[in-house]
Amino acid sequence: MKNLIICLMTLVLIIGGSSMTMAAGNNWDKTFKKSDKVEVKKVNFKNRYGITLAGDLYIPKDKKSGKLPAIALSGPFGAIKEQASGLYAQTLAERGFITLAFDPSYTGESGGEPRNVASPDINTEDFSASVDFLSNQENVDSDKIGILGICGFGGMGLNAAAMDTRIKATVTSTMYDMSRVNANGYNDSMDAKARYALRETLNRQRSVDFKNGTYAKASGLPEKLTGDEPQFIKDYWGYYKTPRGFHKRSINSNGNWNMTSSLSFMTMPILAYSSEIQNAVLMIHGENAHSRYFTEDAFKNLKGANKELYIVKGANHVDLYDNLEKIPFDKIETFFKQHLK
C-alpha cells in the first residue's frame, strides 16, 4: 500500500500558427453538462518545443464588442480538458471571460511521444504556450490574461507565473507540488536514503525500457476498491473511475503514467522562484483535503499584498474538481475581474 500511495502521488481558422474549428454540439464528450451560454471551439497550437497542444476555447455567447480578459486552464495531474479544467473553463466563460482548457504535452489529444509523460519544464511551458495563443486572438485583451491550475497543474501554474510576466493573475485550486511529493513522498515521509533507493529503482528501469524499446507503467488507481484504501484514494476513485468523472483519454481514468516520469521532478523544484511572482495569486484549497499542506506551505513563500489564501470549509481534495457547491466560483470571478482590469 505504501508503494501504491507513492506511485499514485508521482502521479479551421489559422491564426499565428494555431488552428481552430467549431466543436459540434452532437460530439460533446465532456464529463459535465454543456452550457447554452457559451460557444466552444476546438483549437490547436504549438509550444516552444514544437509539441502541438489541443485545447477547447470557451467564448461567452453574449460577448459585447471589444476585447475580453482571458484565462488558460489545465489540470488535475493525469486528467484532461474534458474533465475538471473544462468545467472551470465553461463556468468562467459564462461569467464573461474567454477561457482555454488545454491538454498538457504527451497527454489527451495533445501531441508528444512517448505518451503519458510529465515534465516540470515542458508542462510549465504549456501554460506559457497557452498565453502565446490567447495573446494573439483578436477578441482577447493581451494585457489581461490569467491562468488557473488544478491539482498538480496548480504547482506548474505557479512556476509559469514566476517565469512569464505576461500572466497578470494566477489561481491555484487544490494544488499539489509535484516536485515535493515525488522527492519526499506524501507528508514528506521519504528521507534521503529512501529517495536514493527510489532513484536506483527508476534508473534501473530506464535501462530496461531502453533495451525493450517500451516504457514500463507506474501503478494507477485500482479497477475495484477493497475498502482498505486510504480515504483520499477512495475519493480519487470516486471521481476518475465512475461516471462522475471517467473519461477514456484520462490517464487517471483509463491508463498509467510512465514509471520513470517522476525522475525529473525529484531534482527540479518547481516552486523555487515563486517568491518572485509580482502579479496577483489566489490559492484555494479544501479544509479537509489530504493535500492542504501543499497550498499552505507554498503560500507562505509568496510575497506582496496581492496574494491570498482561501480555504473552502468542509471540502476535500476532489470536491474542488467538480462540486459546484464547493468550488468558490464567485471568489474566483471577483479575483480575476479585479486583477485583469
C-alpha atoms as a PDB file:
ATOM      1  CA  MET A   1       0.000   0.000   0.000  1.00  0.00           C
ATOM      2  CA  LYS A   2       2.885   2.391   0.755  1.00  0.00           C
ATOM      3  CA  ASN A   3       4.322   1.791  -2.716  1.00  0.00           C
ATOM      4  CA  LEU A   4       0.866   2.300  -4.232  1.00  0.00           C
ATOM      5  CA  ILE A   5       0.500   5.649  -2.475  1.00  0.00           C
ATOM      6  CA  ILE A   6       3.948   6.835  -3.623  1.00  0.00           C
ATOM      7  CA  CYS A   7       3.250   5.826  -7.231  1.00  0.00           C
ATOM      8  CA  LEU A   8      -0.173   7.466  -7.224  1.00  0.00           C
ATOM      9  CA  MET A   9       1.354  10.675  -5.963  1.00  0.00           C
ATOM     10  CA  THR A  10       4.068  10.678  -8.576  1.00  0.00           C
ATOM     11  CA  LEU A  11       1.291  10.714 -10.374  1.00  0.00           C
ATOM     12  CA  VAL A  12     -10.231  25.642 -39.429  1.00  0.00           C
ATOM     13  CA  LEU A  13      -9.055  29.208 -38.784  1.00  0.00           C
ATOM     14  CA  ILE A  14      -5.323  29.760 -38.972  1.00  0.00           C
ATOM     15  CA  ILE A  15      -4.085  32.422 -36.556  1.00  0.00           C
ATOM     16  CA  GLY A  16      -0.390  32.714 -35.784  1.00  0.00           C
ATOM     17  CA  GLY A  17       0.344  29.041 -36.308  1.00  0.00           C
ATOM     18  CA  SER A  18      -2.764  27.828 -34.487  1.00  0.00           C
ATOM     19  CA  SER A  19      -5.884  26.138 -35.804  1.00  0.00           C
ATOM     20  CA  MET A  20      -9.461  26.492 -34.694  1.00  0.00           C
ATOM     21  CA  THR A  21     -12.649  24.601 -35.526  1.00  0.00           C
ATOM     22  CA  MET A  22     -16.154  24.637 -34.121  1.00  0.00           C
ATOM     23  CA  ALA A  23     -16.930  21.914 -31.582  1.00  0.00           C
ATOM     24  CA  ALA A  24     -20.028  20.172 -32.881  1.00  0.00           C
ATOM     25  CA  GLY A  25     -22.805  20.071 -30.319  1.00  0.00           C
ATOM     26  CA  ASN A  26     -23.614  16.413 -31.021  1.00  0.00           C
ATOM     27  CA  ASN A  27     -19.994  15.464 -30.328  1.00  0.00           C
ATOM     28  CA  TRP A  28     -19.973  16.714 -26.744  1.00  0.00           C
ATOM     29  CA  ASP A  29     -17.559  14.422 -24.915  1.00  0.00           C
ATOM     30  CA  LYS A  30     -17.111  16.205 -21.592  1.00  0.00           C
ATOM     31  CA  THR A  31     -17.854  14.860 -18.128  1.00  0.00           C
ATOM     32  CA  PHE A  32     -20.069  17.895 -17.411  1.00  0.00           C
ATOM     33  CA  LYS A  33     -23.235  19.257 -18.994  1.00  0.00           C
ATOM     34  CA  LYS A  34     -22.880  21.611 -21.947  1.00  0.00           C
ATOM     35  CA  SER A  35     -23.843  25.223 -21.277  1.00  0.00           C
ATOM     36  CA  ASP A  36     -26.073  27.096 -23.699  1.00  0.00           C
ATOM     37  CA  LYS A  37     -24.392  30.358 -22.689  1.00  0.00           C
ATOM     38  CA  VAL A  38     -21.016  29.713 -24.323  1.00  0.00           C
ATOM     39  CA  GLU A  39     -19.588  28.830 -27.714  1.00  0.00           C
ATOM     40  CA  VAL A  40     -16.883  26.152 -27.784  1.00  0.00           C
ATOM     41  CA  LYS A  41     -14.126  25.830 -30.383  1.00  0.00           C
ATOM     42  CA  LYS A  42     -11.520  23.105 -30.763  1.00  0.00           C
ATOM     43  CA  VAL A  43      -8.066  24.681 -31.096  1.00  0.00           C
ATOM     44  CA  ASN A  44      -4.509  23.540 -31.659  1.00  0.00           C
ATOM     45  CA  PHE A  45      -1.292  25.452 -31.064  1.00  0.00           C
ATOM     46  CA  LYS A  46       2.390  24.665 -30.575  1.00  0.00           C
ATOM     47  CA  ASN A  47       4.531  25.178 -27.518  1.00  0.00           C
ATOM     48  CA  ARG A  48       8.139  26.356 -27.556  1.00  0.00           C
ATOM     49  CA  TYR A  49       9.355  22.772 -28.025  1.00  0.00           C
ATOM     50  CA  GLY A  50       7.251  22.235 -31.134  1.00  0.00           C
ATOM     51  CA  ILE A  51       4.679  19.993 -29.453  1.00  0.00           C
ATOM     52  CA  THR A  52       1.133  20.559 -30.684  1.00  0.00           C
ATOM     53  CA  LEU A  53      -1.282  21.196 -27.838  1.00  0.00           C
ATOM     54  CA  ALA A  54      -5.022  20.618 -28.080  1.00  0.00           C
ATOM     55  CA  GLY A  55      -7.491  22.871 -26.306  1.00  0.00           C
ATOM     56  CA  ASP A  56     -11.115  23.883 -26.003  1.00  0.00           C
ATOM     57  CA  LEU A  57     -11.746  27.612 -26.319  1.00  0.00           C
ATOM     58  CA  TYR A  58     -14.863  28.815 -24.489  1.00  0.00           C
ATOM     59  CA  ILE A  59     -16.350  32.155 -25.580  1.00  0.00           C
ATOM     60  CA  PRO A  60     -19.352  33.871 -23.941  1.00  0.00           C
ATOM     61  CA  LYS A  61     -22.274  33.977 -26.377  1.00  0.00           C
ATOM     62  CA  ASP A  62     -23.404  37.350 -25.047  1.00  0.00           C
ATOM     63  CA  LYS A  63     -19.943  38.829 -25.678  1.00  0.00           C
ATOM     64  CA  LYS A  64     -20.104  42.567 -26.213  1.00  0.00           C
ATOM     65  CA  SER A  65     -17.947  44.338 -28.788  1.00  0.00           C
ATOM     66  CA  GLY A  66     -14.329  44.829 -27.837  1.00  0.00           C
ATOM     67  CA  LYS A  67     -11.729  42.577 -26.301  1.00  0.00           C
ATOM     68  CA  LEU A  68     -12.203  40.392 -23.233  1.00  0.00           C
ATOM     69  CA  PRO A  69      -9.873  39.170 -20.489  1.00  0.00           C
ATOM     70  CA  ALA A  70      -8.802  35.558 -20.928  1.00  0.00           C
ATOM     71  CA  ILE A  71      -7.817  32.622 -18.705  1.00  0.00           C
ATOM     72  CA  ALA A  72      -5.845  29.463 -19.570  1.00  0.00           C
ATOM     73  CA  LEU A  73      -6.597  26.374 -17.502  1.00  0.00           C
ATOM     74  CA  SER A  74      -5.186  22.877 -17.011  1.00  0.00           C
ATOM     75  CA  GLY A  75      -5.225  20.018 -14.533  1.00  0.00           C
ATOM     76  CA  PRO A  76      -5.641  17.960 -12.469  1.00  0.00           C
ATOM     77  CA  PHE A  77      -2.448  15.920 -12.833  1.00  0.00           C
ATOM     78  CA  GLY A  78      -3.358  12.957 -15.021  1.00  0.00           C
ATOM     79  CA  ALA A  79      -6.655  14.498 -16.149  1.00  0.00           C
ATOM     80  CA  ILE A  80      -7.684  16.051 -19.464  1.00  0.00           C
ATOM     81  CA  LYS A  81      -9.559  19.138 -20.649  1.00  0.00           C
ATOM     82  CA  GLU A  82     -12.843  17.208 -20.827  1.00  0.00           C
ATOM     83  CA  GLN A  83     -12.801  16.843 -17.038  1.00  0.00           C
ATOM     84  CA  ALA A  84     -12.291  19.419 -14.257  1.00  0.00           C
ATOM     85  CA  SER A  85     -10.409  22.087 -16.222  1.00  0.00           C
ATOM     86  CA  GLY A  86     -13.158  22.149 -18.834  1.00  0.00           C
ATOM     87  CA  LEU A  87     -15.812  22.581 -16.156  1.00  0.00           C
ATOM     88  CA  TYR A  88     -13.892  25.511 -14.692  1.00  0.00           C
ATOM     89  CA  ALA A  89     -13.360  26.980 -18.175  1.00  0.00           C
ATOM     90  CA  GLN A  90     -17.011  26.749 -19.147  1.00  0.00           C
ATOM     91  CA  THR A  91     -18.202  28.214 -15.851  1.00  0.00           C
ATOM     92  CA  LEU A  92     -15.811  31.165 -16.054  1.00  0.00           C
ATOM     93  CA  ALA A  93     -16.793  31.762 -19.693  1.00  0.00           C
ATOM     94  CA  GLU A  94     -20.395  32.016 -18.505  1.00  0.00           C
ATOM     95  CA  ARG A  95     -19.144  34.808 -16.253  1.00  0.00           C
ATOM     96  CA  GLY A  96     -17.622  36.851 -19.044  1.00  0.00           C
ATOM     97  CA  PHE A  97     -14.098  35.519 -19.676  1.00  0.00           C
ATOM     98  CA  ILE A  98     -12.665  33.873 -22.763  1.00  0.00           C
ATOM     99  CA  THR A  99     -11.177  30.650 -21.434  1.00  0.00           C
ATOM    100  CA  LEU A 100      -8.876  27.973 -22.805  1.00  0.00           C
ATOM    101  CA  ALA A 101      -8.768  24.499 -21.257  1.00  0.00           C
ATOM    102  CA  PHE A 102      -5.847  22.542 -22.717  1.00  0.00           C
ATOM    103  CA  ASP A 103      -4.337  19.080 -22.553  1.00  0.00           C
ATOM    104  CA  PRO A 104      -0.689  19.113 -21.396  1.00  0.00           C
ATOM    105  CA  SER A 105       2.033  17.740 -23.644  1.00  0.00           C
ATOM    106  CA  TYR A 106       2.087  13.948 -24.062  1.00  0.00           C
ATOM    107  CA  THR A 107      -1.475  13.537 -22.750  1.00  0.00           C
ATOM    108  CA  GLY A 108      -5.049  13.617 -24.000  1.00  0.00           C
ATOM    109  CA  GLU A 109      -5.409  14.983 -27.513  1.00  0.00           C
ATOM    110  CA  SER A 110      -2.132  16.912 -27.358  1.00  0.00           C
ATOM    111  CA  GLY A 111       0.948  15.679 -29.171  1.00  0.00           C
ATOM    112  CA  GLY A 112       4.284  14.401 -27.952  1.00  0.00           C
ATOM    113  CA  GLU A 113       5.943  10.994 -27.785  1.00  0.00           C
ATOM    114  CA  PRO A 114       6.144   8.849 -25.775  1.00  0.00           C
ATOM    115  CA  ARG A 115       2.689   9.133 -24.273  1.00  0.00           C
ATOM    116  CA  ASN A 116       1.809   9.645 -20.606  1.00  0.00           C
ATOM    117  CA  VAL A 117       4.961  11.534 -19.645  1.00  0.00           C
ATOM    118  CA  ALA A 118       5.100  14.546 -17.318  1.00  0.00           C
ATOM    119  CA  SER A 119       7.840  17.168 -17.173  1.00  0.00           C
ATOM    120  CA  PRO A 120       8.326  20.094 -14.766  1.00  0.00           C
ATOM    121  CA  ASP A 121       9.826  22.143 -17.607  1.00  0.00           C
ATOM    122  CA  ILE A 122       7.601  21.226 -20.538  1.00  0.00           C
ATOM    123  CA  ASN A 123       4.369  21.318 -18.532  1.00  0.00           C
ATOM    124  CA  THR A 124       5.272  24.779 -17.250  1.00  0.00           C
ATOM    125  CA  GLU A 125       5.973  25.780 -20.867  1.00  0.00           C
ATOM    126  CA  ASP A 126       2.496  24.501 -21.807  1.00  0.00           C
ATOM    127  CA  PHE A 127       0.960  27.307 -19.743  1.00  0.00           C
ATOM    128  CA  SER A 128       3.124  29.904 -21.477  1.00  0.00           C
ATOM    129  CA  ALA A 129       2.213  28.430 -24.868  1.00  0.00           C
ATOM    130  CA  SER A 130      -1.440  28.916 -23.980  1.00  0.00           C
ATOM    131  CA  VAL A 131      -0.645  32.567 -23.237  1.00  0.00           C
ATOM    132  CA  ASP A 132       1.061  32.783 -26.649  1.00  0.00           C
ATOM    133  CA  PHE A 133      -2.148  31.537 -28.239  1.00  0.00           C
ATOM    134  CA  LEU A 134      -4.547  33.727 -26.268  1.00  0.00           C
ATOM    135  CA  SER A 135      -2.483  36.883 -26.699  1.00  0.00           C
ATOM    136  CA  ASN A 136      -2.845  36.520 -30.483  1.00  0.00           C
ATOM    137  CA  GLN A 137      -6.635  36.177 -30.571  1.00  0.00           C
ATOM    138  CA  GLU A 138      -8.479  39.201 -31.958  1.00  0.00           C
ATOM    139  CA  ASN A 139     -11.140  39.050 -29.233  1.00  0.00           C
ATOM    140  CA  VAL A 140      -8.656  38.817 -26.318  1.00  0.00           C
ATOM    141  CA  ASP A 141      -7.036  41.723 -24.490  1.00  0.00           C
ATOM    142  CA  SER A 142      -3.409  40.570 -24.396  1.00  0.00           C
ATOM    143  CA  ASP A 143      -2.760  42.681 -21.290  1.00  0.00           C
ATOM    144  CA  LYS A 144      -5.484  40.841 -19.368  1.00  0.00           C
ATOM    145  CA  ILE A 145      -4.502  37.185 -19.341  1.00  0.00           C
ATOM    146  CA  GLY A 146      -4.572  34.927 -16.285  1.00  0.00           C
ATOM    147  CA  ILE A 147      -4.100  31.224 -15.637  1.00  0.00           C
ATOM    148  CA  LEU A 148      -5.746  28.641 -13.394  1.00  0.00           C
ATOM    149  CA  GLY A 149      -4.090  25.376 -12.422  1.00  0.00           C
ATOM    150  CA  ILE A 150      -5.848  22.493 -10.685  1.00  0.00           C
ATOM    151  CA  CYS A 151      -4.099  19.885  -8.513  1.00  0.00           C
ATOM    152  CA  GLY A 152      -0.615  19.176  -9.925  1.00  0.00           C
ATOM    153  CA  PHE A 153      -1.039  21.882 -12.528  1.00  0.00           C
ATOM    154  CA  GLY A 154      -1.515  24.393  -9.749  1.00  0.00           C
ATOM    155  CA  GLY A 155       2.172  23.960  -8.999  1.00  0.00           C
ATOM    156  CA  MET A 156       3.039  24.174 -12.687  1.00  0.00           C
ATOM    157  CA  GLY A 157       0.906  27.322 -12.868  1.00  0.00           C
ATOM    158  CA  LEU A 158       2.847  28.968 -10.044  1.00  0.00           C
ATOM    159  CA  ASN A 159       6.080  28.083 -11.808  1.00  0.00           C
ATOM    160  CA  ALA A 160       4.757  29.653 -15.014  1.00  0.00           C
ATOM    161  CA  ALA A 161       3.713  32.782 -13.120  1.00  0.00           C
ATOM    162  CA  ALA A 162       7.239  33.093 -11.726  1.00  0.00           C
ATOM    163  CA  MET A 163       8.663  32.889 -15.249  1.00  0.00           C
ATOM    164  CA  ASP A 164       6.097  34.526 -17.549  1.00  0.00           C
ATOM    165  CA  THR A 165       5.458  38.207 -16.799  1.00  0.00           C
ATOM    166  CA  ARG A 166       2.552  38.273 -19.275  1.00  0.00           C
ATOM    167  CA  ILE A 167       0.485  36.338 -16.729  1.00  0.00           C
ATOM    168  CA  LYS A 168      -1.325  39.032 -14.749  1.00  0.00           C
ATOM    169  CA  ALA A 169      -3.227  36.831 -12.285  1.00  0.00           C
ATOM    170  CA  THR A 170      -2.918  33.205 -11.164  1.00  0.00           C
ATOM    171  CA  VAL A 171      -5.363  30.927  -9.360  1.00  0.00           C
ATOM    172  CA  THR A 172      -4.459  27.512  -7.965  1.00  0.00           C
ATOM    173  CA  SER A 173      -7.143  25.092  -6.848  1.00  0.00           C
ATOM    174  CA  THR A 174      -6.465  22.073  -4.605  1.00  0.00           C
ATOM    175  CA  MET A 175      -2.769  22.370  -5.555  1.00  0.00           C
ATOM    176  CA  TYR A 176      -0.128  19.652  -5.485  1.00  0.00           C
ATOM    177  CA  ASP A 177       3.583  20.453  -5.505  1.00  0.00           C
ATOM    178  CA  MET A 178       4.647  17.608  -7.805  1.00  0.00           C
ATOM    179  CA  SER A 179       8.338  18.164  -7.127  1.00  0.00           C
ATOM    180  CA  ARG A 180       7.849  17.859  -3.399  1.00  0.00           C
ATOM    181  CA  VAL A 181       5.639  14.787  -3.466  1.00  0.00           C
ATOM    182  CA  ASN A 182       7.923  12.967  -5.905  1.00  0.00           C
ATOM    183  CA  ALA A 183      11.088  13.809  -3.975  1.00  0.00           C
ATOM    184  CA  ASN A 184       9.753  13.487  -0.434  1.00  0.00           C
ATOM    185  CA  GLY A 185       6.682  11.283  -0.643  1.00  0.00           C
ATOM    186  CA  TYR A 186       3.311  12.068   0.853  1.00  0.00           C
ATOM    187  CA  ASN A 187       3.586  14.205   4.004  1.00  0.00           C
ATOM    188  CA  ASP A 188       7.361  14.301   3.467  1.00  0.00           C
ATOM    189  CA  SER A 189       7.635  10.701   4.624  1.00  0.00           C
ATOM    190  CA  MET A 190      10.638   9.815   2.425  1.00  0.00           C
ATOM    191  CA  ASP A 191      14.151  10.614   3.651  1.00  0.00           C
ATOM    192  CA  ALA A 192      17.359  10.893   1.602  1.00  0.00           C
ATOM    193  CA  LYS A 193      18.117   7.172   1.952  1.00  0.00           C
ATOM    194  CA  ALA A 194      14.685   6.168   0.686  1.00  0.00           C
ATOM    195  CA  ARG A 195      14.900   8.761  -2.089  1.00  0.00           C
ATOM    196  CA  TYR A 196      18.222   7.324  -3.263  1.00  0.00           C
ATOM    197  CA  ALA A 197      16.763   3.814  -3.256  1.00  0.00           C
ATOM    198  CA  LEU A 198      13.837   5.030  -5.363  1.00  0.00           C
ATOM    199  CA  ARG A 199      16.200   6.699  -7.822  1.00  0.00           C
ATOM    200  CA  GLU A 200      18.174   3.439  -8.099  1.00  0.00           C
ATOM    201  CA  THR A 201      14.966   1.571  -8.936  1.00  0.00           C
ATOM    202  CA  LEU A 202      13.819   4.104 -11.505  1.00  0.00           C
ATOM    203  CA  ASN A 203      17.193   4.374 -13.200  1.00  0.00           C
ATOM    204  CA  ARG A 204      17.452   0.587 -13.471  1.00  0.00           C
ATOM    205  CA  GLN A 205      14.056   0.742 -15.123  1.00  0.00           C
ATOM    206  CA  ARG A 206      15.400   3.272 -17.630  1.00  0.00           C
ATOM    207  CA  SER A 207      17.961   0.721 -18.797  1.00  0.00           C
ATOM    208  CA  VAL A 208      15.277  -1.938 -19.140  1.00  0.00           C
ATOM    209  CA  ASP A 209      12.992   0.461 -21.014  1.00  0.00           C
ATOM    210  CA  PHE A 210      15.778   1.337 -23.438  1.00  0.00           C
ATOM    211  CA  LYS A 211      16.595  -2.332 -24.058  1.00  0.00           C
ATOM    212  CA  ASN A 212      12.944  -3.245 -24.628  1.00  0.00           C
ATOM    213  CA  GLY A 213      12.008  -0.139 -26.579  1.00  0.00           C
ATOM    214  CA  THR A 214       8.976   0.332 -24.344  1.00  0.00           C
ATOM    215  CA  TYR A 215       8.099   2.247 -21.177  1.00  0.00           C
ATOM    216  CA  ALA A 216       7.053   0.464 -18.013  1.00  0.00           C
ATOM    217  CA  LYS A 217       3.930   1.871 -16.430  1.00  0.00           C
ATOM    218  CA  ALA A 218       3.565   3.204 -12.918  1.00  0.00           C
ATOM    219  CA  SER A 219       0.825   1.938 -10.643  1.00  0.00           C
ATOM    220  CA  GLY A 220      -2.503   3.664 -11.102  1.00  0.00           C
ATOM    221  CA  LEU A 221      -5.865   3.655  -9.430  1.00  0.00           C
ATOM    222  CA  PRO A 222      -7.258   0.148  -8.841  1.00  0.00           C
ATOM    223  CA  GLU A 223     -10.087  -1.046 -11.055  1.00  0.00           C
ATOM    224  CA  LYS A 224     -12.002  -2.010  -7.924  1.00  0.00           C
ATOM    225  CA  LEU A 225     -11.756  -0.877  -4.323  1.00  0.00           C
ATOM    226  CA  THR A 226     -11.196  -3.341  -1.495  1.00  0.00           C
ATOM    227  CA  GLY A 227     -12.356  -0.899   1.164  1.00  0.00           C
ATOM    228  CA  ASP A 228      -8.959  -0.840   2.863  1.00  0.00           C
ATOM    229  CA  GLU A 229      -7.555   2.047   0.803  1.00  0.00           C
ATOM    230  CA  PRO A 230      -6.834   5.443   2.379  1.00  0.00           C
ATOM    231  CA  GLN A 231      -9.767   7.825   2.132  1.00  0.00           C
ATOM    232  CA  PHE A 232      -8.084  10.052  -0.431  1.00  0.00           C
ATOM    233  CA  ILE A 233      -7.617   7.057  -2.774  1.00  0.00           C
ATOM    234  CA  LYS A 234     -11.329   6.338  -2.419  1.00  0.00           C
ATOM    235  CA  ASP A 235     -12.022   9.979  -3.225  1.00  0.00           C
ATOM    236  CA  TYR A 236      -9.871   9.849  -6.368  1.00  0.00           C
ATOM    237  CA  TRP A 237     -11.500   6.585  -7.417  1.00  0.00           C
ATOM    238  CA  GLY A 238     -14.952   8.089  -6.898  1.00  0.00           C
ATOM    239  CA  TYR A 239     -14.120  10.778  -9.439  1.00  0.00           C
ATOM    240  CA  TYR A 240     -11.937   9.101 -12.061  1.00  0.00           C
ATOM    241  CA  LYS A 241     -13.373   5.570 -12.098  1.00  0.00           C
ATOM    242  CA  THR A 242     -17.108   6.314 -12.016  1.00  0.00           C
ATOM    243  CA  PRO A 243     -19.443   8.088 -14.457  1.00  0.00           C
ATOM    244  CA  ARG A 244     -18.954  11.223 -12.361  1.00  0.00           C
ATOM    245  CA  GLY A 245     -15.561  11.929 -13.944  1.00  0.00           C
ATOM    246  CA  PHE A 246     -14.437   8.937 -16.024  1.00  0.00           C
ATOM    247  CA  HIS A 247     -13.032   9.679 -19.476  1.00  0.00           C
ATOM    248  CA  LYS A 248     -11.377   7.189 -21.789  1.00  0.00           C
ATOM    249  CA  ARG A 249      -8.485   9.553 -22.623  1.00  0.00           C
ATOM    250  CA  SER A 250      -7.725  10.434 -18.997  1.00  0.00           C
ATOM    251  CA  ILE A 251      -4.594   8.807 -17.575  1.00  0.00           C
ATOM    252  CA  ASN A 252      -6.150   8.556 -14.122  1.00  0.00           C
ATOM    253  CA  SER A 253      -9.349   7.029 -15.509  1.00  0.00           C
ATOM    254  CA  ASN A 254      -8.043   4.662 -18.103  1.00  0.00           C
ATOM    255  CA  GLY A 255      -4.253   4.493 -18.118  1.00  0.00           C
ATOM    256  CA  ASN A 256      -0.968   4.921 -16.259  1.00  0.00           C
ATOM    257  CA  TRP A 257       1.874   7.387 -16.153  1.00  0.00           C
ATOM    258  CA  ASN A 258       5.234   6.097 -17.359  1.00  0.00           C
ATOM    259  CA  MET A 259       7.103   4.864 -14.296  1.00  0.00           C
ATOM    260  CA  THR A 260      10.216   6.966 -14.891  1.00  0.00           C
ATOM    261  CA  SER A 261       8.283  10.250 -15.269  1.00  0.00           C
ATOM    262  CA  SER A 262       8.914  11.123 -11.642  1.00  0.00           C
ATOM    263  CA  LEU A 263      12.712  11.270 -12.006  1.00  0.00           C
ATOM    264  CA  SER A 264      12.928  14.855 -13.279  1.00  0.00           C
ATOM    265  CA  PHE A 265      10.553  16.145 -10.609  1.00  0.00           C
ATOM    266  CA  MET A 266      12.795  14.729  -7.877  1.00  0.00           C
ATOM    267  CA  THR A 267      15.615  17.160  -8.629  1.00  0.00           C
ATOM    268  CA  MET A 268      13.795  20.108 -10.211  1.00  0.00           C
ATOM    269  CA  PRO A 269      11.782  22.019  -7.570  1.00  0.00           C
ATOM    270  CA  ILE A 270       9.080  23.867  -9.499  1.00  0.00           C
ATOM    271  CA  LEU A 271       8.374  26.404  -6.747  1.00  0.00           C
ATOM    272  CA  ALA A 272      11.976  27.565  -6.278  1.00  0.00           C
ATOM    273  CA  TYR A 273      11.261  31.079  -7.569  1.00  0.00           C
ATOM    274  CA  SER A 274       7.639  31.501  -6.535  1.00  0.00           C
ATOM    275  CA  SER A 275       8.659  34.220  -4.067  1.00  0.00           C
ATOM    276  CA  GLU A 276       9.462  36.402  -7.083  1.00  0.00           C
ATOM    277  CA  ILE A 277       5.923  36.368  -8.507  1.00  0.00           C
ATOM    278  CA  GLN A 278       4.860  40.014  -8.597  1.00  0.00           C
ATOM    279  CA  ASN A 279       1.384  39.626 -10.065  1.00  0.00           C
ATOM    280  CA  ALA A 280      -1.676  38.562  -8.112  1.00  0.00           C
ATOM    281  CA  VAL A 281      -2.131  34.999  -6.834  1.00  0.00           C
ATOM    282  CA  LEU A 282      -5.179  33.329  -5.251  1.00  0.00           C
ATOM    283  CA  MET A 283      -4.598  29.885  -3.734  1.00  0.00           C
ATOM    284  CA  ILE A 284      -7.680  27.789  -2.951  1.00  0.00           C
ATOM    285  CA  HIS A 285      -7.792  24.536  -1.019  1.00  0.00           C
ATOM    286  CA  GLY A 286     -10.302  22.361   0.798  1.00  0.00           C
ATOM    287  CA  GLU A 287     -10.394  22.403   4.589  1.00  0.00           C
ATOM    288  CA  ASN A 288     -10.420  18.598   4.763  1.00  0.00           C
ATOM    289  CA  ALA A 289      -8.110  17.875   1.832  1.00  0.00           C
ATOM    290  CA  HIS A 290      -5.220  15.478   2.452  1.00  0.00           C
ATOM    291  CA  SER A 291      -3.141  17.789   0.220  1.00  0.00           C
ATOM    292  CA  ARG A 292      -3.886  21.043   2.033  1.00  0.00           C
ATOM    293  CA  TYR A 293      -0.315  21.392   3.301  1.00  0.00           C
ATOM    294  CA  PHE A 294       0.988  21.869  -0.254  1.00  0.00           C
ATOM    295  CA  THR A 295      -1.014  25.067  -0.685  1.00  0.00           C
ATOM    296  CA  GLU A 296      -0.460  26.423   2.802  1.00  0.00           C
ATOM    297  CA  ASP A 297       3.310  25.930   2.635  1.00  0.00           C
ATOM    298  CA  ALA A 298       3.562  27.346  -0.893  1.00  0.00           C
ATOM    299  CA  PHE A 299       1.507  30.372   0.107  1.00  0.00           C
ATOM    300  CA  LYS A 300       3.960  31.205   2.903  1.00  0.00           C
ATOM    301  CA  ASN A 301       6.652  31.708   0.276  1.00  0.00           C
ATOM    302  CA  LEU A 302       4.677  34.266  -1.733  1.00  0.00           C
ATOM    303  CA  LYS A 303       5.345  37.962  -1.217  1.00  0.00           C
ATOM    304  CA  GLY A 304       3.212  41.044  -1.688  1.00  0.00           C
ATOM    305  CA  ALA A 305      -0.198  42.323  -0.679  1.00  0.00           C
ATOM    306  CA  ASN A 306      -1.845  40.899  -3.813  1.00  0.00           C
ATOM    307  CA  LYS A 307      -1.576  37.265  -2.651  1.00  0.00           C
ATOM    308  CA  GLU A 308      -4.496  35.484  -0.985  1.00  0.00           C
ATOM    309  CA  LEU A 309      -5.155  32.069   0.601  1.00  0.00           C
ATOM    310  CA  TYR A 310      -8.754  30.828   0.585  1.00  0.00           C
ATOM    311  CA  ILE A 311      -9.760  27.654   2.471  1.00  0.00           C
ATOM    312  CA  VAL A 312     -13.092  26.099   1.494  1.00  0.00           C
ATOM    313  CA  LYS A 313     -14.907  24.824   4.572  1.00  0.00           C
ATOM    314  CA  GLY A 314     -15.844  21.158   4.547  1.00  0.00           C
ATOM    315  CA  ALA A 315     -14.209  20.418   1.180  1.00  0.00           C
ATOM    316  CA  ASN A 316     -11.817  17.577   0.442  1.00  0.00           C
ATOM    317  CA  HIS A 317      -9.283  17.459  -2.395  1.00  0.00           C
ATOM    318  CA  VAL A 318     -11.604  16.043  -5.061  1.00  0.00           C
ATOM    319  CA  ASP A 319     -14.577  18.264  -4.126  1.00  0.00           C
ATOM    320  CA  LEU A 320     -12.746  21.088  -5.882  1.00  0.00           C
ATOM    321  CA  TYR A 321     -12.684  19.110  -9.132  1.00  0.00           C
ATOM    322  CA  ASP A 322     -16.398  19.272  -9.845  1.00  0.00           C
ATOM    323  CA  ASN A 323     -18.561  20.018  -6.801  1.00  0.00           C
ATOM    324  CA  LEU A 324     -20.346  23.211  -7.824  1.00  0.00           C
ATOM    325  CA  GLU A 325     -21.497  23.746  -4.252  1.00  0.00           C
ATOM    326  CA  LYS A 326     -17.895  23.757  -3.025  1.00  0.00           C
ATOM    327  CA  ILE A 327     -15.851  25.377  -5.825  1.00  0.00           C
ATOM    328  CA  PRO A 328     -15.846  29.117  -4.954  1.00  0.00           C
ATOM    329  CA  PHE A 329     -16.557  30.456  -8.439  1.00  0.00           C
ATOM    330  CA  ASP A 330     -17.819  33.779  -7.067  1.00  0.00           C
ATOM    331  CA  LYS A 331     -14.466  34.249  -5.355  1.00  0.00           C
ATOM    332  CA  ILE A 332     -12.539  33.251  -8.481  1.00  0.00           C
ATOM    333  CA  GLU A 333     -14.609  35.558 -10.699  1.00  0.00           C
ATOM    334  CA  THR A 334     -14.117  38.507  -8.361  1.00  0.00           C
ATOM    335  CA  PHE A 335     -10.367  37.867  -8.171  1.00  0.00           C
ATOM    336  CA  PHE A 336      -9.887  37.736 -11.933  1.00  0.00           C
ATOM    337  CA  LYS A 337     -12.105  40.754 -12.557  1.00  0.00           C
ATOM    338  CA  GLN A 338     -10.123  42.735 -10.008  1.00  0.00           C
ATOM    339  CA  HIS A 339      -6.704  41.828 -11.347  1.00  0.00           C
ATOM    340  CA  LEU A 340      -7.441  41.539 -15.086  1.00  0.00           C
ATOM    341  CA  LYS A 341      -8.877  45.021 -15.372  1.00  0.00           C
END
